[in-house]
Amino acid sequence: MSLSAILSLDDFEHAARRRLPRPVFAYVSGAVETNASWRDNRAAFDAWGFVPRVLVDVSKRSARAKLLGREYAQPFGIAPMGIAALSAYRGDIVLARGAAAEGSRSP
Protein backbone atom coordinates (compact mmCIF):
# COMPACT_ATOMS: atom_id res chain seq x y z
CA MET A 1 0.00 0.00 0.00
CA SER A 2 1.44 3.36 -0.97
CA LEU A 3 1.09 6.47 1.18
CA SER A 4 -1.37 7.89 -1.35
CA ALA A 5 -3.82 5.15 -0.33
CA ILE A 6 -3.58 6.01 3.38
CA LEU A 7 -6.30 8.44 4.35
CA SER A 8 -6.54 7.98 8.12
CA LEU A 9 -4.64 6.72 11.17
CA ASP A 10 -6.58 3.47 10.93
CA ASP A 11 -5.23 3.00 7.38
CA PHE A 12 -1.67 3.26 8.77
CA GLU A 13 -2.47 0.56 11.30
CA HIS A 14 -3.86 -1.80 8.66
CA ALA A 15 -0.81 -1.26 6.42
CA ALA A 16 1.59 -1.78 9.34
CA ARG A 17 -0.18 -4.99 10.39
CA ARG A 18 0.41 -6.42 6.89
CA ARG A 19 4.02 -5.22 6.61
CA LEU A 20 5.63 -5.64 10.03
CA PRO A 21 6.52 -8.91 11.76
CA ARG A 22 3.86 -9.73 14.38
CA PRO A 23 6.02 -9.00 17.50
CA VAL A 24 7.16 -5.65 16.10
CA PHE A 25 3.62 -4.63 15.17
CA ALA A 26 2.38 -5.64 18.62
CA TYR A 27 5.07 -3.51 20.27
CA VAL A 28 4.45 -0.46 18.10
CA SER A 29 0.65 -0.59 18.20
CA GLY A 30 0.23 -1.92 21.71
CA ALA A 31 -0.81 -0.01 24.78
CA VAL A 32 0.24 -0.72 28.33
CA GLU A 33 -1.74 -3.15 30.48
CA THR A 34 -5.44 -2.15 30.37
CA ASN A 35 -5.12 0.19 27.36
CA ALA A 36 -6.57 3.01 29.51
CA SER A 37 -4.21 5.70 28.18
CA TRP A 38 -4.84 4.57 24.59
CA ARG A 39 -8.63 4.82 25.10
CA ASP A 40 -8.30 8.25 26.75
CA ASN A 41 -6.11 9.54 23.92
CA ARG A 42 -8.47 8.16 21.29
CA ALA A 43 -11.47 9.77 23.06
CA ALA A 44 -9.64 13.11 23.19
CA PHE A 45 -8.95 13.00 19.45
CA ASP A 46 -12.49 11.83 18.69
CA ALA A 47 -13.79 14.96 20.46
CA TRP A 48 -12.19 17.13 17.77
CA GLY A 49 -13.19 17.39 14.14
CA PHE A 50 -11.81 19.14 11.09
CA VAL A 51 -13.92 21.30 8.84
CA PRO A 52 -12.67 20.99 5.27
CA ARG A 53 -12.06 24.28 3.55
CA VAL A 54 -11.59 24.36 -0.20
CA LEU A 55 -10.32 27.10 -2.46
CA VAL A 56 -8.77 28.96 0.48
CA ASP A 57 -5.29 30.48 0.20
CA VAL A 58 -3.05 28.67 2.68
CA SER A 59 0.29 29.83 1.26
CA LYS A 60 1.04 31.98 4.30
CA ARG A 61 -0.03 29.45 6.95
CA SER A 62 2.55 27.99 9.29
CA ALA A 63 2.65 25.28 11.93
CA ARG A 64 5.45 27.10 13.83
CA ALA A 65 4.97 27.18 17.55
CA LYS A 66 6.79 28.68 20.51
CA LEU A 67 7.10 26.23 23.41
CA LEU A 68 8.93 27.03 26.62
CA GLY A 69 10.67 30.00 25.03
CA ARG A 70 11.91 28.14 21.94
CA GLU A 71 10.44 28.27 18.47
CA TYR A 72 9.83 25.04 16.56
CA ALA A 73 8.80 24.37 12.97
CA GLN A 74 5.83 22.41 14.30
CA PRO A 75 4.33 21.87 17.74
CA PHE A 76 5.15 18.17 17.94
CA GLY A 77 8.12 15.87 17.75
CA ILE A 78 8.99 12.25 17.31
CA ALA A 79 8.75 10.11 20.41
CA PRO A 80 11.87 8.12 21.21
CA MET A 81 11.13 4.51 20.40
CA GLY A 82 13.95 2.00 20.76
CA ILE A 83 12.38 -0.40 18.34
CA ALA A 84 12.26 2.10 15.43
CA ALA A 85 15.17 0.32 13.76
CA LEU A 86 13.14 -2.91 13.75
CA SER A 87 10.09 -1.19 12.28
CA ALA A 88 12.06 -0.11 9.21
CA TYR A 89 15.66 -0.50 8.09
CA ARG A 90 17.63 2.17 9.97
CA GLY A 91 14.28 3.56 11.14
CA ASP A 92 15.83 5.48 14.02
CA ILE A 93 18.23 7.25 11.67
CA VAL A 94 15.50 7.92 9.11
CA LEU A 95 13.27 9.45 11.82
CA ALA A 96 16.09 11.65 13.13
CA ARG A 97 17.06 12.88 9.67
CA GLY A 98 13.44 13.53 8.70
CA ALA A 99 12.84 15.50 11.89
CA ALA A 100 16.00 17.55 11.36
CA ALA A 101 15.09 18.25 7.73
CA GLU A 102 11.70 19.58 8.81
CA GLY A 103 13.11 21.78 11.58
CA SER A 104 12.08 19.57 14.48
CA ARG A 105 14.66 19.09 17.19
CA SER A 106 14.97 17.74 20.67
CA PRO A 107 14.64 20.28 23.49
PDB file of N, CA and C in Angstrom:
ATOM      1  N   MET A   1       0.853  -1.176   0.000  1.00  0.00           N
ATOM      2  CA  MET A   1       0.000   0.000   0.000  1.00  0.00           C
ATOM      3  C   MET A   1       0.897   1.236   0.000  1.00  0.00           C
ATOM      4  N   SER A   2       0.655   2.133  -0.927  1.00  0.00           N
ATOM      5  CA  SER A   2       1.442   3.363  -0.971  1.00  0.00           C
ATOM      6  C   SER A   2       0.825   4.400  -0.044  1.00  0.00           C
ATOM      7  N   LEU A   3       1.601   5.422   0.296  1.00  0.00           N
ATOM      8  CA  LEU A   3       1.093   6.467   1.181  1.00  0.00           C
ATOM      9  C   LEU A   3      -0.110   7.194   0.585  1.00  0.00           C
ATOM     10  N   SER A   4      -0.227   7.208  -0.735  1.00  0.00           N
ATOM     11  CA  SER A   4      -1.368   7.891  -1.355  1.00  0.00           C
ATOM     12  C   SER A   4      -2.684   7.177  -1.047  1.00  0.00           C
ATOM     13  N   ALA A   5      -2.608   5.904  -0.656  1.00  0.00           N
ATOM     14  CA  ALA A   5      -3.823   5.146  -0.332  1.00  0.00           C
ATOM     15  C   ALA A   5      -4.189   5.247   1.147  1.00  0.00           C
ATOM     16  N   ILE A   6      -3.325   5.882   1.943  1.00  0.00           N
ATOM     17  CA  ILE A   6      -3.577   6.010   3.376  1.00  0.00           C
ATOM     18  C   ILE A   6      -4.268   7.337   3.641  1.00  0.00           C
ATOM     19  N   LEU A   7      -5.495   7.241   4.140  1.00  0.00           N
ATOM     20  CA  LEU A   7      -6.302   8.436   4.345  1.00  0.00           C
ATOM     21  C   LEU A   7      -6.606   8.708   5.814  1.00  0.00           C
ATOM     22  N   SER A   8      -6.237   7.789   6.702  1.00  0.00           N
ATOM     23  CA  SER A   8      -6.541   7.976   8.116  1.00  0.00           C
ATOM     24  C   SER A   8      -5.524   7.212   8.955  1.00  0.00           C
ATOM     25  N   LEU A   9      -5.532   7.463  10.276  1.00  0.00           N
ATOM     26  CA  LEU A   9      -4.642   6.724  11.168  1.00  0.00           C
ATOM     27  C   LEU A   9      -4.954   5.234  11.134  1.00  0.00           C
ATOM     28  N   ASP A  10      -6.218   4.890  11.004  1.00  0.00           N
ATOM     29  CA  ASP A  10      -6.584   3.475  10.925  1.00  0.00           C
ATOM     30  C   ASP A  10      -5.967   2.807   9.698  1.00  0.00           C
ATOM     31  N   ASP A  11      -5.865   3.544   8.586  1.00  0.00           N
ATOM     32  CA  ASP A  11      -5.232   3.000   7.382  1.00  0.00           C
ATOM     33  C   ASP A  11      -3.764   2.675   7.642  1.00  0.00           C
ATOM     34  N   PHE A  12      -3.067   3.545   8.408  1.00  0.00           N
ATOM     35  CA  PHE A  12      -1.674   3.262   8.766  1.00  0.00           C
ATOM     36  C   PHE A  12      -1.587   1.964   9.551  1.00  0.00           C
ATOM     37  N   GLU A  13      -2.511   1.772  10.477  1.00  0.00           N
ATOM     38  CA  GLU A  13      -2.473   0.564  11.304  1.00  0.00           C
ATOM     39  C   GLU A  13      -2.672  -0.681  10.452  1.00  0.00           C
ATOM     40  N   HIS A  14      -3.609  -0.641   9.528  1.00  0.00           N
ATOM     41  CA  HIS A  14      -3.860  -1.804   8.664  1.00  0.00           C
ATOM     42  C   HIS A  14      -2.635  -2.108   7.796  1.00  0.00           C
ATOM     43  N   ALA A  15      -2.006  -1.062   7.258  1.00  0.00           N
ATOM     44  CA  ALA A  15      -0.812  -1.261   6.424  1.00  0.00           C
ATOM     45  C   ALA A  15       0.338  -1.822   7.255  1.00  0.00           C
ATOM     46  N   ALA A  16       0.515  -1.303   8.470  1.00  0.00           N
ATOM     47  CA  ALA A  16       1.592  -1.784   9.337  1.00  0.00           C
ATOM     48  C   ALA A  16       1.368  -3.237   9.737  1.00  0.00           C
ATOM     49  N   ARG A  17       0.128  -3.595   9.999  1.00  0.00           N
ATOM     50  CA  ARG A  17      -0.182  -4.986  10.387  1.00  0.00           C
ATOM     51  C   ARG A  17       0.233  -5.949   9.271  1.00  0.00           C
ATOM     52  N   ARG A  18       0.041  -5.550   8.020  1.00  0.00           N
ATOM     53  CA  ARG A  18       0.408  -6.420   6.893  1.00  0.00           C
ATOM     54  C   ARG A  18       1.915  -6.448   6.655  1.00  0.00           C
ATOM     55  N   ARG A  19       2.610  -5.354   6.975  1.00  0.00           N
ATOM     56  CA  ARG A  19       4.017  -5.225   6.610  1.00  0.00           C
ATOM     57  C   ARG A  19       4.991  -5.674   7.700  1.00  0.00           C
ATOM     58  N   LEU A  20       4.689  -5.388   8.947  1.00  0.00           N
ATOM     59  CA  LEU A  20       5.634  -5.644  10.030  1.00  0.00           C
ATOM     60  C   LEU A  20       5.511  -7.069  10.575  1.00  0.00           C
ATOM     61  N   PRO A  21       6.613  -7.630  11.055  1.00  0.00           N
ATOM     62  CA  PRO A  21       6.520  -8.912  11.758  1.00  0.00           C
ATOM     63  C   PRO A  21       5.589  -8.753  12.974  1.00  0.00           C
ATOM     64  N   ARG A  22       4.868  -9.792  13.321  1.00  0.00           N
ATOM     65  CA  ARG A  22       3.858  -9.727  14.379  1.00  0.00           C
ATOM     66  C   ARG A  22       4.385  -9.137  15.698  1.00  0.00           C
ATOM     67  N   PRO A  23       5.554  -9.570  16.224  1.00  0.00           N
ATOM     68  CA  PRO A  23       6.015  -9.001  17.498  1.00  0.00           C
ATOM     69  C   PRO A  23       6.320  -7.505  17.401  1.00  0.00           C
ATOM     70  N   VAL A  24       6.852  -7.076  16.271  1.00  0.00           N
ATOM     71  CA  VAL A  24       7.164  -5.650  16.097  1.00  0.00           C
ATOM     72  C   VAL A  24       5.869  -4.851  16.018  1.00  0.00           C
ATOM     73  N   PHE A  25       4.899  -5.328  15.247  1.00  0.00           N
ATOM     74  CA  PHE A  25       3.617  -4.635  15.168  1.00  0.00           C
ATOM     75  C   PHE A  25       2.958  -4.545  16.538  1.00  0.00           C
ATOM     76  N   ALA A  26       2.994  -5.634  17.293  1.00  0.00           N
ATOM     77  CA  ALA A  26       2.380  -5.642  18.622  1.00  0.00           C
ATOM     78  C   ALA A  26       3.040  -4.611  19.527  1.00  0.00           C
ATOM     79  N   TYR A  27       4.360  -4.483  19.449  1.00  0.00           N
ATOM     80  CA  TYR A  27       5.070  -3.506  20.273  1.00  0.00           C
ATOM     81  C   TYR A  27       4.695  -2.079  19.873  1.00  0.00           C
ATOM     82  N   VAL A  28       4.708  -1.816  18.592  1.00  0.00           N
ATOM     83  CA  VAL A  28       4.447  -0.461  18.105  1.00  0.00           C
ATOM     84  C   VAL A  28       2.993  -0.050  18.337  1.00  0.00           C
ATOM     85  N   SER A  29       2.068  -0.943  18.116  1.00  0.00           N
ATOM     86  CA  SER A  29       0.651  -0.585  18.204  1.00  0.00           C
ATOM     87  C   SER A  29       0.063  -0.797  19.586  1.00  0.00           C
ATOM     88  N   GLY A  30       0.773  -1.544  20.416  1.00  0.00           N
ATOM     89  CA  GLY A  30       0.226  -1.918  21.710  1.00  0.00           C
ATOM     90  C   GLY A  30       0.161  -0.777  22.703  1.00  0.00           C
ATOM     91  N   ALA A  31      -0.691  -0.956  23.665  1.00  0.00           N
ATOM     92  CA  ALA A  31      -0.814  -0.012  24.775  1.00  0.00           C
ATOM     93  C   ALA A  31      -0.502  -0.785  26.054  1.00  0.00           C
ATOM     94  N   VAL A  32      -0.181  -0.080  27.085  1.00  0.00           N
ATOM     95  CA  VAL A  32       0.244  -0.722  28.328  1.00  0.00           C
ATOM     96  C   VAL A  32      -0.949  -1.281  29.092  1.00  0.00           C
ATOM     97  N   GLU A  33      -0.801  -2.454  29.604  1.00  0.00           N
ATOM     98  CA  GLU A  33      -1.741  -3.149  30.481  1.00  0.00           C
ATOM     99  C   GLU A  33      -3.197  -3.055  30.030  1.00  0.00           C
ATOM    100  N   THR A  34      -3.994  -2.180  30.624  1.00  0.00           N
ATOM    101  CA  THR A  34      -5.438  -2.148  30.374  1.00  0.00           C
ATOM    102  C   THR A  34      -5.828  -1.284  29.177  1.00  0.00           C
ATOM    103  N   ASN A  35      -4.872  -0.700  28.501  1.00  0.00           N
ATOM    104  CA  ASN A  35      -5.117   0.193  27.356  1.00  0.00           C
ATOM    105  C   ASN A  35      -5.843   1.475  27.755  1.00  0.00           C
ATOM    106  N   ALA A  36      -5.842   1.824  29.034  1.00  0.00           N
ATOM    107  CA  ALA A  36      -6.572   3.006  29.508  1.00  0.00           C
ATOM    108  C   ALA A  36      -6.057   4.285  28.856  1.00  0.00           C
ATOM    109  N   SER A  37      -4.745   4.460  28.780  1.00  0.00           N
ATOM    110  CA  SER A  37      -4.213   5.696  28.182  1.00  0.00           C
ATOM    111  C   SER A  37      -4.537   5.753  26.688  1.00  0.00           C
ATOM    112  N   TRP A  38      -4.499   4.604  26.019  1.00  0.00           N
ATOM    113  CA  TRP A  38      -4.844   4.568  24.592  1.00  0.00           C
ATOM    114  C   TRP A  38      -6.292   4.997  24.396  1.00  0.00           C
ATOM    115  N   ARG A  39      -7.212   4.452  25.216  1.00  0.00           N
ATOM    116  CA  ARG A  39      -8.633   4.815  25.097  1.00  0.00           C
ATOM    117  C   ARG A  39      -8.845   6.303  25.392  1.00  0.00           C
ATOM    118  N   ASP A  40      -8.162   6.828  26.424  1.00  0.00           N
ATOM    119  CA  ASP A  40      -8.299   8.246  26.754  1.00  0.00           C
ATOM    120  C   ASP A  40      -7.793   9.131  25.616  1.00  0.00           C
ATOM    121  N   ASN A  41      -6.645   8.765  25.035  1.00  0.00           N
ATOM    122  CA  ASN A  41      -6.109   9.543  23.918  1.00  0.00           C
ATOM    123  C   ASN A  41      -7.050   9.488  22.720  1.00  0.00           C
ATOM    124  N   ARG A  42      -7.553   8.310  22.429  1.00  0.00           N
ATOM    125  CA  ARG A  42      -8.469   8.163  21.294  1.00  0.00           C
ATOM    126  C   ARG A  42      -9.733   8.997  21.512  1.00  0.00           C
ATOM    127  N   ALA A  43     -10.271   8.978  22.739  1.00  0.00           N
ATOM    128  CA  ALA A  43     -11.468   9.769  23.061  1.00  0.00           C
ATOM    129  C   ALA A  43     -11.185  11.262  22.912  1.00  0.00           C
ATOM    130  N   ALA A  44      -9.993  11.691  23.324  1.00  0.00           N
ATOM    131  CA  ALA A  44      -9.644  13.114  23.193  1.00  0.00           C
ATOM    132  C   ALA A  44      -9.599  13.526  21.726  1.00  0.00           C
ATOM    133  N   PHE A  45      -9.005  12.672  20.876  1.00  0.00           N
ATOM    134  CA  PHE A  45      -8.950  13.004  19.450  1.00  0.00           C
ATOM    135  C   PHE A  45     -10.321  12.900  18.797  1.00  0.00           C
ATOM    136  N   ASP A  46     -11.141  11.959  19.250  1.00  0.00           N
ATOM    137  CA  ASP A  46     -12.488  11.828  18.692  1.00  0.00           C
ATOM    138  C   ASP A  46     -13.361  13.033  19.014  1.00  0.00           C
ATOM    139  N   ALA A  47     -13.013  13.777  20.069  1.00  0.00           N
ATOM    140  CA  ALA A  47     -13.791  14.956  20.457  1.00  0.00           C
ATOM    141  C   ALA A  47     -13.558  16.132  19.501  1.00  0.00           C
ATOM    142  N   TRP A  48     -12.510  16.050  18.701  1.00  0.00           N
ATOM    143  CA  TRP A  48     -12.186  17.129  17.769  1.00  0.00           C
ATOM    144  C   TRP A  48     -12.546  16.710  16.349  1.00  0.00           C
ATOM    145  N   GLY A  49     -12.909  17.669  15.542  1.00  0.00           N
ATOM    146  CA  GLY A  49     -13.186  17.394  14.143  1.00  0.00           C
ATOM    147  C   GLY A  49     -12.575  18.480  13.275  1.00  0.00           C
ATOM    148  N   PHE A  50     -12.337  18.166  12.039  1.00  0.00           N
ATOM    149  CA  PHE A  50     -11.807  19.136  11.094  1.00  0.00           C
ATOM    150  C   PHE A  50     -12.898  19.520  10.115  1.00  0.00           C
ATOM    151  N   VAL A  51     -12.965  20.799   9.823  1.00  0.00           N
ATOM    152  CA  VAL A  51     -13.925  21.297   8.842  1.00  0.00           C
ATOM    153  C   VAL A  51     -13.142  21.555   7.555  1.00  0.00           C
ATOM    154  N   PRO A  52     -13.409  20.787   6.523  1.00  0.00           N
ATOM    155  CA  PRO A  52     -12.674  20.993   5.275  1.00  0.00           C
ATOM    156  C   PRO A  52     -12.959  22.364   4.667  1.00  0.00           C
ATOM    157  N   ARG A  53     -11.930  22.996   4.246  1.00  0.00           N
ATOM    158  CA  ARG A  53     -12.064  24.279   3.555  1.00  0.00           C
ATOM    159  C   ARG A  53     -11.423  24.099   2.173  1.00  0.00           C
ATOM    160  N   VAL A  54     -12.129  24.483   1.153  1.00  0.00           N
ATOM    161  CA  VAL A  54     -11.594  24.361  -0.197  1.00  0.00           C
ATOM    162  C   VAL A  54     -11.485  25.746  -0.817  1.00  0.00           C
ATOM    163  N   LEU A  55     -10.563  25.854  -1.753  1.00  0.00           N
ATOM    164  CA  LEU A  55     -10.323  27.103  -2.460  1.00  0.00           C
ATOM    165  C   LEU A  55     -10.000  28.251  -1.500  1.00  0.00           C
ATOM    166  N   VAL A  56      -9.204  27.956  -0.486  1.00  0.00           N
ATOM    167  CA  VAL A  56      -8.765  28.956   0.478  1.00  0.00           C
ATOM    168  C   VAL A  56      -7.246  29.054   0.376  1.00  0.00           C
ATOM    169  N   ASP A  57      -6.735  30.274   0.316  1.00  0.00           N
ATOM    170  CA  ASP A  57      -5.295  30.483   0.202  1.00  0.00           C
ATOM    171  C   ASP A  57      -4.607  30.111   1.515  1.00  0.00           C
ATOM    172  N   VAL A  58      -3.768  29.100   1.488  1.00  0.00           N
ATOM    173  CA  VAL A  58      -3.049  28.668   2.683  1.00  0.00           C
ATOM    174  C   VAL A  58      -1.540  28.889   2.530  1.00  0.00           C
ATOM    175  N   SER A  59      -1.135  29.656   1.538  1.00  0.00           N
ATOM    176  CA  SER A  59       0.290  29.825   1.255  1.00  0.00           C
ATOM    177  C   SER A  59       1.045  30.526   2.386  1.00  0.00           C
ATOM    178  N   LYS A  60       0.365  31.277   3.212  1.00  0.00           N
ATOM    179  CA  LYS A  60       1.041  31.980   4.296  1.00  0.00           C
ATOM    180  C   LYS A  60       0.815  31.329   5.661  1.00  0.00           C
ATOM    181  N   ARG A  61       0.193  30.168   5.699  1.00  0.00           N
ATOM    182  CA  ARG A  61      -0.035  29.446   6.950  1.00  0.00           C
ATOM    183  C   ARG A  61       1.268  28.799   7.431  1.00  0.00           C
ATOM    184  N   SER A  62       1.366  28.609   8.716  1.00  0.00           N
ATOM    185  CA  SER A  62       2.546  27.990   9.292  1.00  0.00           C
ATOM    186  C   SER A  62       2.144  27.165  10.508  1.00  0.00           C
ATOM    187  N   ALA A  63       2.881  26.112  10.741  1.00  0.00           N
ATOM    188  CA  ALA A  63       2.654  25.283  11.927  1.00  0.00           C
ATOM    189  C   ALA A  63       3.644  25.646  13.037  1.00  0.00           C
ATOM    190  N   ARG A  64       4.449  26.695  12.833  1.00  0.00           N
ATOM    191  CA  ARG A  64       5.447  27.097  13.829  1.00  0.00           C
ATOM    192  C   ARG A  64       4.777  27.336  15.172  1.00  0.00           C
ATOM    193  N   ALA A  65       5.496  26.984  16.203  1.00  0.00           N
ATOM    194  CA  ALA A  65       4.975  27.178  17.554  1.00  0.00           C
ATOM    195  C   ALA A  65       6.114  27.511  18.505  1.00  0.00           C
ATOM    196  N   LYS A  66       5.809  28.345  19.485  1.00  0.00           N
ATOM    197  CA  LYS A  66       6.790  28.676  20.510  1.00  0.00           C
ATOM    198  C   LYS A  66       6.409  27.896  21.766  1.00  0.00           C
ATOM    199  N   LEU A  67       7.328  27.058  22.227  1.00  0.00           N
ATOM    200  CA  LEU A  67       7.099  26.235  23.406  1.00  0.00           C
ATOM    201  C   LEU A  67       8.248  26.437  24.381  1.00  0.00           C
ATOM    202  N   LEU A  68       7.924  26.830  25.583  1.00  0.00           N
ATOM    203  CA  LEU A  68       8.925  27.029  26.624  1.00  0.00           C
ATOM    204  C   LEU A  68      10.066  27.948  26.170  1.00  0.00           C
ATOM    205  N   GLY A  69       9.692  29.001  25.453  1.00  0.00           N
ATOM    206  CA  GLY A  69      10.668  29.999  25.030  1.00  0.00           C
ATOM    207  C   GLY A  69      11.457  29.670  23.783  1.00  0.00           C
ATOM    208  N   ARG A  70      11.213  28.520  23.170  1.00  0.00           N
ATOM    209  CA  ARG A  70      11.913  28.140  21.938  1.00  0.00           C
ATOM    210  C   ARG A  70      10.912  27.999  20.808  1.00  0.00           C
ATOM    211  N   GLU A  71      11.325  28.395  19.614  1.00  0.00           N
ATOM    212  CA  GLU A  71      10.437  28.270  18.466  1.00  0.00           C
ATOM    213  C   GLU A  71      10.769  27.007  17.691  1.00  0.00           C
ATOM    214  N   TYR A  72       9.699  26.290  17.309  1.00  0.00           N
ATOM    215  CA  TYR A  72       9.829  25.045  16.562  1.00  0.00           C
ATOM    216  C   TYR A  72       9.054  25.148  15.258  1.00  0.00           C
ATOM    217  N   ALA A  73       9.478  24.365  14.264  1.00  0.00           N
ATOM    218  CA  ALA A  73       8.804  24.374  12.968  1.00  0.00           C
ATOM    219  C   ALA A  73       7.397  23.818  13.062  1.00  0.00           C
ATOM    220  N   GLN A  74       7.159  22.955  14.053  1.00  0.00           N
ATOM    221  CA  GLN A  74       5.831  22.408  14.296  1.00  0.00           C
ATOM    222  C   GLN A  74       5.713  22.080  15.774  1.00  0.00           C
ATOM    223  N   PRO A  75       4.499  22.060  16.292  1.00  0.00           N
ATOM    224  CA  PRO A  75       4.330  21.873  17.738  1.00  0.00           C
ATOM    225  C   PRO A  75       4.315  20.411  18.184  1.00  0.00           C
ATOM    226  N   PHE A  76       5.082  19.573  17.554  1.00  0.00           N
ATOM    227  CA  PHE A  76       5.154  18.170  17.945  1.00  0.00           C
ATOM    228  C   PHE A  76       6.516  17.629  17.568  1.00  0.00           C
ATOM    229  N   GLY A  77       6.839  16.495  18.068  1.00  0.00           N
ATOM    230  CA  GLY A  77       8.119  15.874  17.755  1.00  0.00           C
ATOM    231  C   GLY A  77       7.938  14.392  17.538  1.00  0.00           C
ATOM    232  N   ILE A  78       9.024  13.696  17.506  1.00  0.00           N
ATOM    233  CA  ILE A  78       8.994  12.252  17.314  1.00  0.00           C
ATOM    234  C   ILE A  78       9.362  11.614  18.647  1.00  0.00           C
ATOM    235  N   ALA A  79       8.503  10.771  19.127  1.00  0.00           N
ATOM    236  CA  ALA A  79       8.746  10.113  20.408  1.00  0.00           C
ATOM    237  C   ALA A  79       9.909   9.135  20.273  1.00  0.00           C
ATOM    238  N   PRO A  80      10.781   9.091  21.278  1.00  0.00           N
ATOM    239  CA  PRO A  80      11.872   8.116  21.212  1.00  0.00           C
ATOM    240  C   PRO A  80      11.304   6.708  21.331  1.00  0.00           C
ATOM    241  N   MET A  81      11.647   5.869  20.400  1.00  0.00           N
ATOM    242  CA  MET A  81      11.134   4.511  20.398  1.00  0.00           C
ATOM    243  C   MET A  81      12.284   3.586  20.024  1.00  0.00           C
ATOM    244  N   GLY A  82      12.781   2.846  20.983  1.00  0.00           N
ATOM    245  CA  GLY A  82      13.947   2.005  20.761  1.00  0.00           C
ATOM    246  C   GLY A  82      13.797   0.978  19.669  1.00  0.00           C
ATOM    247  N   ILE A  83      12.585   0.645  19.328  1.00  0.00           N
ATOM    248  CA  ILE A  83      12.379  -0.400  18.339  1.00  0.00           C
ATOM    249  C   ILE A  83      12.201   0.175  16.922  1.00  0.00           C
ATOM    250  N   ALA A  84      12.431   1.469  16.751  1.00  0.00           N
ATOM    251  CA  ALA A  84      12.259   2.096  15.431  1.00  0.00           C
ATOM    252  C   ALA A  84      13.113   1.408  14.366  1.00  0.00           C
ATOM    253  N   ALA A  85      14.302   0.973  14.734  1.00  0.00           N
ATOM    254  CA  ALA A  85      15.171   0.317  13.759  1.00  0.00           C
ATOM    255  C   ALA A  85      14.633  -1.046  13.337  1.00  0.00           C
ATOM    256  N   LEU A  86      13.764  -1.647  14.150  1.00  0.00           N
ATOM    257  CA  LEU A  86      13.144  -2.909  13.751  1.00  0.00           C
ATOM    258  C   LEU A  86      11.909  -2.679  12.891  1.00  0.00           C
ATOM    259  N   SER A  87      11.303  -1.506  13.045  1.00  0.00           N
ATOM    260  CA  SER A  87      10.094  -1.187  12.278  1.00  0.00           C
ATOM    261  C   SER A  87      10.427  -0.913  10.823  1.00  0.00           C
ATOM    262  N   ALA A  88      11.601  -0.386  10.574  1.00  0.00           N
ATOM    263  CA  ALA A  88      12.063  -0.111   9.213  1.00  0.00           C
ATOM    264  C   ALA A  88      13.590  -0.121   9.242  1.00  0.00           C
ATOM    265  N   TYR A  89      14.193  -0.475   8.151  1.00  0.00           N
ATOM    266  CA  TYR A  89      15.657  -0.497   8.087  1.00  0.00           C
ATOM    267  C   TYR A  89      16.197   0.877   8.446  1.00  0.00           C
ATOM    268  N   ARG A  90      17.045   0.928   9.471  1.00  0.00           N
ATOM    269  CA  ARG A  90      17.633   2.170   9.969  1.00  0.00           C
ATOM    270  C   ARG A  90      16.553   3.194  10.318  1.00  0.00           C
ATOM    271  N   GLY A  91      15.424   2.701  10.823  1.00  0.00           N
ATOM    272  CA  GLY A  91      14.282   3.562  11.136  1.00  0.00           C
ATOM    273  C   GLY A  91      14.607   4.683  12.086  1.00  0.00           C
ATOM    274  N   ASP A  92      15.473   4.425  13.073  1.00  0.00           N
ATOM    275  CA  ASP A  92      15.831   5.476  14.020  1.00  0.00           C
ATOM    276  C   ASP A  92      16.586   6.606  13.329  1.00  0.00           C
ATOM    277  N   ILE A  93      17.458   6.251  12.410  1.00  0.00           N
ATOM    278  CA  ILE A  93      18.229   7.254  11.672  1.00  0.00           C
ATOM    279  C   ILE A  93      17.321   8.009  10.709  1.00  0.00           C
ATOM    280  N   VAL A  94      16.438   7.282  10.044  1.00  0.00           N
ATOM    281  CA  VAL A  94      15.496   7.918   9.112  1.00  0.00           C
ATOM    282  C   VAL A  94      14.605   8.922   9.848  1.00  0.00           C
ATOM    283  N   LEU A  95      14.098   8.543  11.036  1.00  0.00           N
ATOM    284  CA  LEU A  95      13.275   9.453  11.824  1.00  0.00           C
ATOM    285  C   LEU A  95      14.055  10.696  12.228  1.00  0.00           C
ATOM    286  N   ALA A  96      15.269  10.515  12.700  1.00  0.00           N
ATOM    287  CA  ALA A  96      16.087  11.652  13.133  1.00  0.00           C
ATOM    288  C   ALA A  96      16.400  12.587  11.966  1.00  0.00           C
ATOM    289  N   ARG A  97      16.752  12.035  10.840  1.00  0.00           N
ATOM    290  CA  ARG A  97      17.058  12.877   9.667  1.00  0.00           C
ATOM    291  C   ARG A  97      15.818  13.599   9.159  1.00  0.00           C
ATOM    292  N   GLY A  98      14.690  12.894   9.138  1.00  0.00           N
ATOM    293  CA  GLY A  98      13.443  13.528   8.700  1.00  0.00           C
ATOM    294  C   GLY A  98      13.038  14.663   9.616  1.00  0.00           C
ATOM    295  N   ALA A  99      13.168  14.452  10.921  1.00  0.00           N
ATOM    296  CA  ALA A  99      12.835  15.497  11.888  1.00  0.00           C
ATOM    297  C   ALA A  99      13.746  16.703  11.710  1.00  0.00           C
ATOM    298  N   ALA A 100      15.047  16.450  11.541  1.00  0.00           N
ATOM    299  CA  ALA A 100      15.995  17.554  11.359  1.00  0.00           C
ATOM    300  C   ALA A 100      15.707  18.316  10.072  1.00  0.00           C
ATOM    301  N   ALA A 101      15.372  17.591   9.006  1.00  0.00           N
ATOM    302  CA  ALA A 101      15.086  18.245   7.730  1.00  0.00           C
ATOM    303  C   ALA A 101      13.854  19.142   7.796  1.00  0.00           C
ATOM    304  N   GLU A 102      12.923  18.801   8.691  1.00  0.00           N
ATOM    305  CA  GLU A 102      11.697  19.580   8.811  1.00  0.00           C
ATOM    306  C   GLU A 102      11.760  20.603   9.944  1.00  0.00           C
ATOM    307  N   GLY A 103      12.939  20.760  10.551  1.00  0.00           N
ATOM    308  CA  GLY A 103      13.111  21.778  11.579  1.00  0.00           C
ATOM    309  C   GLY A 103      12.642  21.348  12.967  1.00  0.00           C
ATOM    310  N   SER A 104      12.458  20.063  13.163  1.00  0.00           N
ATOM    311  CA  SER A 104      12.083  19.573  14.478  1.00  0.00           C
ATOM    312  C   SER A 104      13.362  19.156  15.180  1.00  0.00           C
ATOM    313  N   ARG A 105      13.455  19.454  16.458  1.00  0.00           N
ATOM    314  CA  ARG A 105      14.658  19.090  17.189  1.00  0.00           C
ATOM    315  C   ARG A 105      14.306  18.772  18.618  1.00  0.00           C
ATOM    316  N   SER A 106      15.200  18.082  19.266  1.00  0.00           N
ATOM    317  CA  SER A 106      14.972  17.742  20.673  1.00  0.00           C
ATOM    318  C   SER A 106      15.221  18.969  21.540  1.00  0.00           C
ATOM    319  N   PRO A 107      14.402  19.132  22.588  1.00  0.00           N
ATOM    320  CA  PRO A 107      14.641  20.279  23.487  1.00  0.00           C
ATOM    321  C   PRO A 107      15.939  20.118  24.252  1.00  0.00           C
TER     322      PRO A 107
END
